[in-house]
Amino acid sequence: MTVEVSTPKSFIRYLKRLKSPQRQNASIEAVARFMKSPRDPKLNFERVVGRPGYFSIRVDYESRFG
């Protein structure tokens, strides 16, 4: 499996809107975990419906990044 991770400007804007430093850090840590181990089951890696070639990972029970 080849993994390509990009952090578009929208990702940075979304991080800033979270307001909570804990949620910001959790989001950054989830991306780092994905880069290190993309098959980690805790990330709940799945396809984004309606966006071929796009996937999302779970940050916590409330948040997903894709």
PDB file of N, CA and C in Angstrom:
ATOM      1  N   MET A   1       0.846  -1.176   0.000  1.00  0.00           N
ATOM      2  CA  MET A   1       0.000   0.000   0.000  1.00  0.00           C
ATOM      3  C   MET A   1       0.891   1.238   0.000  1.00  0.00           C
ATOM      4  N   THR A   2       0.700   2.103  -0.965  1.00  0.00           N
ATOM      5  CA  THR A   2       1.430   3.359  -1.025  1.00  0.00           C
ATOM      6  C   THR A   2       0.585   4.434  -0.354  1.00  0.00           C
ATOM      7  N   VAL A   3       1.209   5.193   0.522  1.00  0.00           N
ATOM      8  CA  VAL A   3       0.495   6.230   1.257  1.00  0.00           C
ATOM      9  C   VAL A   3       1.063   7.592   0.887  1.00  0.00           C
ATOM     10  N   GLU A   4       0.185   8.478   0.493  1.00  0.00           N
ATOM     11  CA  GLU A   4       0.577   9.862   0.221  1.00  0.00           C
ATOM     12  C   GLU A   4      -0.289  10.741   1.104  1.00  0.00           C
ATOM     13  N   VAL A   5       0.349  11.514   1.936  1.00  0.00           N
ATOM     14  CA  VAL A   5      -0.369  12.396   2.854  1.00  0.00           C
ATOM     15  C   VAL A   5      -0.098  13.825   2.445  1.00  0.00           C
ATOM     16  N   SER A   6      -1.162  14.574   2.265  1.00  0.00           N
ATOM     17  CA  SER A   6      -0.992  15.998   1.973  1.00  0.00           C
ATOM     18  C   SER A   6      -1.770  16.784   3.013  1.00  0.00           C
ATOM     19  N   THR A   7      -1.265  17.934   3.343  1.00  0.00           N
ATOM     20  CA  THR A   7      -1.948  18.799   4.293  1.00  0.00           C
ATOM     21  C   THR A   7      -2.279  20.106   3.581  1.00  0.00           C
ATOM     22  N   PRO A   8      -3.417  20.125   2.934  1.00  0.00           N
ATOM     23  CA  PRO A   8      -3.804  21.340   2.207  1.00  0.00           C
ATOM     24  C   PRO A   8      -4.106  22.491   3.173  1.00  0.00           C
ATOM     25  N   LYS A   9      -4.216  23.665   2.633  1.00  0.00           N
ATOM     26  CA  LYS A   9      -4.521  24.843   3.449  1.00  0.00           C
ATOM     27  C   LYS A   9      -5.818  24.637   4.232  1.00  0.00           C
ATOM     28  N   SER A  10      -6.762  23.918   3.658  1.00  0.00           N
ATOM     29  CA  SER A  10      -8.028  23.679   4.354  1.00  0.00           C
ATOM     30  C   SER A  10      -7.803  22.889   5.646  1.00  0.00           C
ATOM     31  N   PHE A  11      -6.826  21.987   5.664  1.00  0.00           N
ATOM     32  CA  PHE A  11      -6.502  21.233   6.874  1.00  0.00           C
ATOM     33  C   PHE A  11      -6.018  22.180   7.965  1.00  0.00           C
ATOM     34  N   ILE A  12      -5.142  23.087   7.619  1.00  0.00           N
ATOM     35  CA  ILE A  12      -4.615  24.050   8.582  1.00  0.00           C
ATOM     36  C   ILE A  12      -5.736  24.958   9.091  1.00  0.00           C
ATOM     37  N   ARG A  13      -6.607  25.411   8.195  1.00  0.00           N
ATOM     38  CA  ARG A  13      -7.738  26.247   8.609  1.00  0.00           C
ATOM     39  C   ARG A  13      -8.644  25.491   9.568  1.00  0.00           C
ATOM     40  N   TYR A  14      -8.902  24.212   9.276  1.00  0.00           N
ATOM     41  CA  TYR A  14      -9.754  23.414  10.140  1.00  0.00           C
ATOM     42  C   TYR A  14      -9.124  23.254  11.518  1.00  0.00           C
ATOM     43  N   LEU A  15      -7.831  23.014  11.566  1.00  0.00           N
ATOM     44  CA  LEU A  15      -7.142  22.897  12.860  1.00  0.00           C
ATOM     45  C   LEU A  15      -7.325  24.165  13.687  1.00  0.00           C
ATOM     46  N   LYS A  16      -7.179  25.311  13.056  1.00  0.00           N
ATOM     47  CA  LYS A  16      -7.313  26.580  13.773  1.00  0.00           C
ATOM     48  C   LYS A  16      -8.729  26.784  14.294  1.00  0.00           C
ATOM     49  N   ARG A  17      -9.729  26.285  13.575  1.00  0.00           N
ATOM     50  CA  ARG A  17     -11.121  26.439  14.003  1.00  0.00           C
ATOM     51  C   ARG A  17     -11.479  25.539  15.173  1.00  0.00           C
ATOM     52  N   LEU A  18     -10.682  24.523  15.454  1.00  0.00           N
ATOM     53  CA  LEU A  18     -10.991  23.614  16.552  1.00  0.00           C
ATOM     54  C   LEU A  18     -10.952  24.312  17.907  1.00  0.00           C
ATOM     55  N   LYS A  19     -10.166  25.354  18.037  1.00  0.00           N
ATOM     56  CA  LYS A  19     -10.028  26.152  19.256  1.00  0.00           C
ATOM     57  C   LYS A  19      -9.357  25.385  20.398  1.00  0.00           C
ATOM     58  N   SER A  20      -9.743  24.159  20.640  1.00  0.00           N
ATOM     59  CA  SER A  20      -9.182  23.378  21.745  1.00  0.00           C
ATOM     60  C   SER A  20      -7.793  22.842  21.371  1.00  0.00           C
ATOM     61  N   PRO A  21      -6.774  23.225  22.122  1.00  0.00           N
ATOM     62  CA  PRO A  21      -5.436  22.701  21.833  1.00  0.00           C
ATOM     63  C   PRO A  21      -5.369  21.169  21.916  1.00  0.00           C
ATOM     64  N   GLN A  22      -6.175  20.578  22.797  1.00  0.00           N
ATOM     65  CA  GLN A  22      -6.185  19.122  22.919  1.00  0.00           C
ATOM     66  C   GLN A  22      -6.677  18.465  21.636  1.00  0.00           C
ATOM     67  N   ARG A  23      -7.730  19.006  21.039  1.00  0.00           N
ATOM     68  CA  ARG A  23      -8.252  18.437  19.792  1.00  0.00           C
ATOM     69  C   ARG A  23      -7.303  18.707  18.633  1.00  0.00           C
ATOM     70  N   GLN A  24      -6.657  19.866  18.630  1.00  0.00           N
ATOM     71  CA  GLN A  24      -5.667  20.165  17.600  1.00  0.00           C
ATOM     72  C   GLN A  24      -4.527  19.162  17.675  1.00  0.00           C
ATOM     73  N   ASN A  25      -4.013  18.936  18.882  1.00  0.00           N
ATOM     74  CA  ASN A  25      -2.916  17.986  19.061  1.00  0.00           C
ATOM     75  C   ASN A  25      -3.333  16.569  18.701  1.00  0.00           C
ATOM     76  N   ALA A  26      -4.552  16.182  19.069  1.00  0.00           N
ATOM     77  CA  ALA A  26      -5.042  14.840  18.736  1.00  0.00           C
ATOM     78  C   ALA A  26      -5.109  14.661  17.224  1.00  0.00           C
ATOM     79  N   SER A  27      -5.503  15.694  16.513  1.00  0.00           N
ATOM     80  CA  SER A  27      -5.587  15.636  15.054  1.00  0.00           C
ATOM     81  C   SER A  27      -4.204  15.480  14.433  1.00  0.00           C
ATOM     82  N   ILE A  28      -3.261  16.243  14.913  1.00  0.00           N
ATOM     83  CA  ILE A  28      -1.891  16.159  14.397  1.00  0.00           C
ATOM     84  C   ILE A  28      -1.297  14.790  14.710  1.00  0.00           C
ATOM     85  N   GLU A  29      -1.548  14.293  15.916  1.00  0.00           N
ATOM     86  CA  GLU A  29      -1.047  12.972  16.300  1.00  0.00           C
ATOM     87  C   GLU A  29      -1.661  11.860  15.443  1.00  0.00           C
ATOM     88  N   ALA A  30      -2.934  11.994  15.094  1.00  0.00           N
ATOM     89  CA  ALA A  30      -3.585  10.990  14.249  1.00  0.00           C
ATOM     90  C   ALA A  30      -2.937  10.950  12.867  1.00  0.00           C
ATOM     91  N   VAL A  31      -2.637  12.098  12.312  1.00  0.00           N
ATOM     92  CA  VAL A  31      -1.974  12.143  11.005  1.00  0.00           C
ATOM     93  C   VAL A  31      -0.576  11.533  11.106  1.00  0.00           C
ATOM     94  N   ALA A  32       0.137  11.860  12.176  1.00  0.00           N
ATOM     95  CA  ALA A  32       1.477  11.289  12.373  1.00  0.00           C
ATOM     96  C   ALA A  32       1.393   9.772  12.532  1.00  0.00           C
ATOM     97  N   ARG A  33       0.395   9.282  13.276  1.00  0.00           N
ATOM     98  CA  ARG A  33       0.209   7.836  13.446  1.00  0.00           C
ATOM     99  C   ARG A  33      -0.084   7.179  12.101  1.00  0.00           C
ATOM    100  N   PHE A  34      -0.905   7.838  11.291  1.00  0.00           N
ATOM    101  CA  PHE A  34      -1.228   7.297   9.971  1.00  0.00           C
ATOM    102  C   PHE A  34       0.011   7.208   9.097  1.00  0.00           C
ATOM    103  N   MET A  35       0.850   8.234   9.143  1.00  0.00           N
ATOM    104  CA  MET A  35       2.067   8.227   8.331  1.00  0.00           C
ATOM    105  C   MET A  35       3.014   7.114   8.774  1.00  0.00           C
ATOM    106  N   LYS A  36       3.036   6.837  10.070  1.00  0.00           N
ATOM    107  CA  LYS A  36       3.916   5.804  10.602  1.00  0.00           C
ATOM    108  C   LYS A  36       3.349   4.399  10.364  1.00  0.00           C
ATOM    109  N   SER A  37       2.037   4.256  10.542  1.00  0.00           N
ATOM    110  CA  SER A  37       1.402   2.939  10.442  1.00  0.00           C
ATOM    111  C   SER A  37       0.004   3.083   9.845  1.00  0.00           C
ATOM    112  N   PRO A  38      -0.103   3.154   8.510  1.00  0.00           N
ATOM    113  CA  PRO A  38      -1.393   3.413   7.881  1.00  0.00           C
ATOM    114  C   PRO A  38      -2.446   2.326   8.113  1.00  0.00           C
ATOM    115  N   ARG A  39      -2.038   1.158   8.536  1.00  0.00           N
ATOM    116  CA  ARG A  39      -3.003   0.086   8.778  1.00  0.00           C
ATOM    117  C   ARG A  39      -3.438  -0.021  10.236  1.00  0.00           C
ATOM    118  N   ASP A  40      -3.076   0.952  11.050  1.00  0.00           N
ATOM    119  CA  ASP A  40      -3.451   0.945  12.465  1.00  0.00           C
ATOM    120  C   ASP A  40      -4.980   0.936  12.580  1.00  0.00           C
ATOM    121  N   PRO A  41      -5.561  -0.099  13.193  1.00  0.00           N
ATOM    122  CA  PRO A  41      -7.021  -0.191  13.263  1.00  0.00           C
ATOM    123  C   PRO A  41      -7.667   0.931  14.074  1.00  0.00           C
ATOM    124  N   LYS A  42      -6.935   1.577  14.962  1.00  0.00           N
ATOM    125  CA  LYS A  42      -7.485   2.681  15.750  1.00  0.00           C
ATOM    126  C   LYS A  42      -7.870   3.866  14.877  1.00  0.00           C
ATOM    127  N   LEU A  43      -7.277   3.968  13.698  1.00  0.00           N
ATOM    128  CA  LEU A  43      -7.547   5.097  12.810  1.00  0.00           C
ATOM    129  C   LEU A  43      -8.837   4.932  12.022  1.00  0.00           C
ATOM    130  N   ASN A  44      -9.351   3.714  11.940  1.00  0.00           N
ATOM    131  CA  ASN A  44     -10.595   3.453  11.214  1.00  0.00           C
ATOM    132  C   ASN A  44     -10.552   4.070   9.808  1.00  0.00           C
ATOM    133  N   PHE A  45      -9.527   3.741   9.066  1.00  0.00           N
ATOM    134  CA  PHE A  45      -9.290   4.227   7.704  1.00  0.00           C
ATOM    135  C   PHE A  45     -10.441   3.799   6.798  1.00  0.00           C
ATOM    136  N   GLU A  46     -11.064   4.730   6.103  1.00  0.00           N
ATOM    137  CA  GLU A  46     -12.156   4.375   5.190  1.00  0.00           C
ATOM    138  C   GLU A  46     -12.296   5.395   4.064  1.00  0.00           C
ATOM    139  N   ARG A  47     -12.967   4.966   3.003  1.00  0.00           N
ATOM    140  CA  ARG A  47     -13.189   5.823   1.834  1.00  0.00           C
ATOM    141  C   ARG A  47     -14.156   6.958   2.162  1.00  0.00           C
ATOM    142  N   VAL A  48     -13.951   8.094   1.491  1.00  0.00           N
ATOM    143  CA  VAL A  48     -14.884   9.213   1.605  1.00  0.00           C
ATOM    144  C   VAL A  48     -15.923   9.027   0.499  1.00  0.00           C
ATOM    145  N   VAL A  49     -17.168   8.910   0.890  1.00  0.00           N
ATOM    146  CA  VAL A  49     -18.261   8.683  -0.061  1.00  0.00           C
ATOM    147  C   VAL A  49     -18.369   9.875  -1.008  1.00  0.00           C
ATOM    148  N   GLY A  50     -18.425   9.587  -2.295  1.00  0.00           N
ATOM    149  CA  GLY A  50     -18.566  10.636  -3.299  1.00  0.00           C
ATOM    150  C   GLY A  50     -17.270  11.316  -3.703  1.00  0.00           C
ATOM    151  N   ARG A  51     -16.143  10.867  -3.157  1.00  0.00           N
ATOM    152  CA  ARG A  51     -14.842  11.457  -3.491  1.00  0.00           C
ATOM    153  C   ARG A  51     -13.871  10.342  -3.844  1.00  0.00           C
ATOM    154  N   PRO A  52     -13.917   9.840  -5.072  1.00  0.00           N
ATOM    155  CA  PRO A  52     -13.021   8.747  -5.458  1.00  0.00           C
ATOM    156  C   PRO A  52     -11.556   9.108  -5.203  1.00  0.00           C
ATOM    157  N   GLY A  53     -10.833   8.178  -4.602  1.00  0.00           N
ATOM    158  CA  GLY A  53      -9.429   8.398  -4.317  1.00  0.00           C
ATOM    159  C   GLY A  53      -9.164   9.117  -3.005  1.00  0.00           C
ATOM    160  N   TYR A  54     -10.218   9.478  -2.263  1.00  0.00           N
ATOM    161  CA  TYR A  54     -10.062  10.158  -0.982  1.00  0.00           C
ATOM    162  C   TYR A  54     -10.466   9.227   0.151  1.00  0.00           C
ATOM    163  N   PHE A  55      -9.746   9.349   1.270  1.00  0.00           N
ATOM    164  CA  PHE A  55     -10.002   8.514   2.430  1.00  0.00           C
ATOM    165  C   PHE A  55      -9.978   9.385   3.678  1.00  0.00           C
ATOM    166  N   SER A  56     -10.522   8.858   4.758  1.00  0.00           N
ATOM    167  CA  SER A  56     -10.493   9.598   6.016  1.00  0.00           C
ATOM    168  C   SER A  56      -9.971   8.699   7.123  1.00  0.00           C
ATOM    169  N   ILE A  57      -9.505   9.331   8.201  1.00  0.00           N
ATOM    170  CA  ILE A  57      -9.066   8.615   9.393  1.00  0.00           C
ATOM    171  C   ILE A  57      -9.783   9.224  10.590  1.00  0.00           C
ATOM    172  N   ARG A  58      -9.966   8.422  11.606  1.00  0.00           N
ATOM    173  CA  ARG A  58     -10.645   8.885  12.810  1.00  0.00           C
ATOM    174  C   ARG A  58      -9.625   9.468  13.783  1.00  0.00           C
ATOM    175  N   VAL A  59      -9.924  10.665  14.276  1.00  0.00           N
ATOM    176  CA  VAL A  59      -9.082  11.316  15.277  1.00  0.00           C
ATOM    177  C   VAL A  59      -9.552  10.890  16.664  1.00  0.00           C
ATOM    178  N   ASP A  60     -10.858  10.974  16.890  1.00  0.00           N
ATOM    179  CA  ASP A  60     -11.487  10.529  18.134  1.00  0.00           C
ATOM    180  C   ASP A  60     -12.924  10.150  17.778  1.00  0.00           C
ATOM    181  N   TYR A  61     -13.748   9.922  18.769  1.00  0.00           N
ATOM    182  CA  TYR A  61     -15.111   9.489  18.488  1.00  0.00           C
ATOM    183  C   TYR A  61     -15.953  10.545  17.792  1.00  0.00           C
ATOM    184  N   GLU A  62     -15.533  11.799  17.871  1.00  0.00           N
ATOM    185  CA  GLU A  62     -16.309  12.898  17.283  1.00  0.00           C
ATOM    186  C   GLU A  62     -15.730  13.409  15.969  1.00  0.00           C
ATOM    187  N   SER A  63     -14.474  13.177  15.713  1.00  0.00           N
ATOM    188  CA  SER A  63     -13.809  13.841  14.580  1.00  0.00           C
ATOM    189  C   SER A  63     -13.189  12.864  13.610  1.00  0.00           C
ATOM    190  N   ARG A  64     -13.262  13.217  12.329  1.00  0.00           N
ATOM    191  CA  ARG A  64     -12.600  12.485  11.266  1.00  0.00           C
ATOM    192  C   ARG A  64     -11.880  13.504  10.402  1.00  0.00           C
ATOM    193  N   PHE A  65     -10.765  13.083   9.832  1.00  0.00           N
ATOM    194  CA  PHE A  65     -10.059  13.914   8.859  1.00  0.00           C
ATOM    195  C   PHE A  65      -9.996  13.162   7.558  1.00  0.00           C
ATOM    196  N   GLY A  66     -10.184  13.871   6.494  1.00  0.00           N
ATOM    197  CA  GLY A  66     -10.116  13.249   5.192  1.00  0.00           C
ATOM    198  C   GLY A  66      -9.638  14.211   4.152  1.00  0.00           C
TER     199      GLY A  66
END
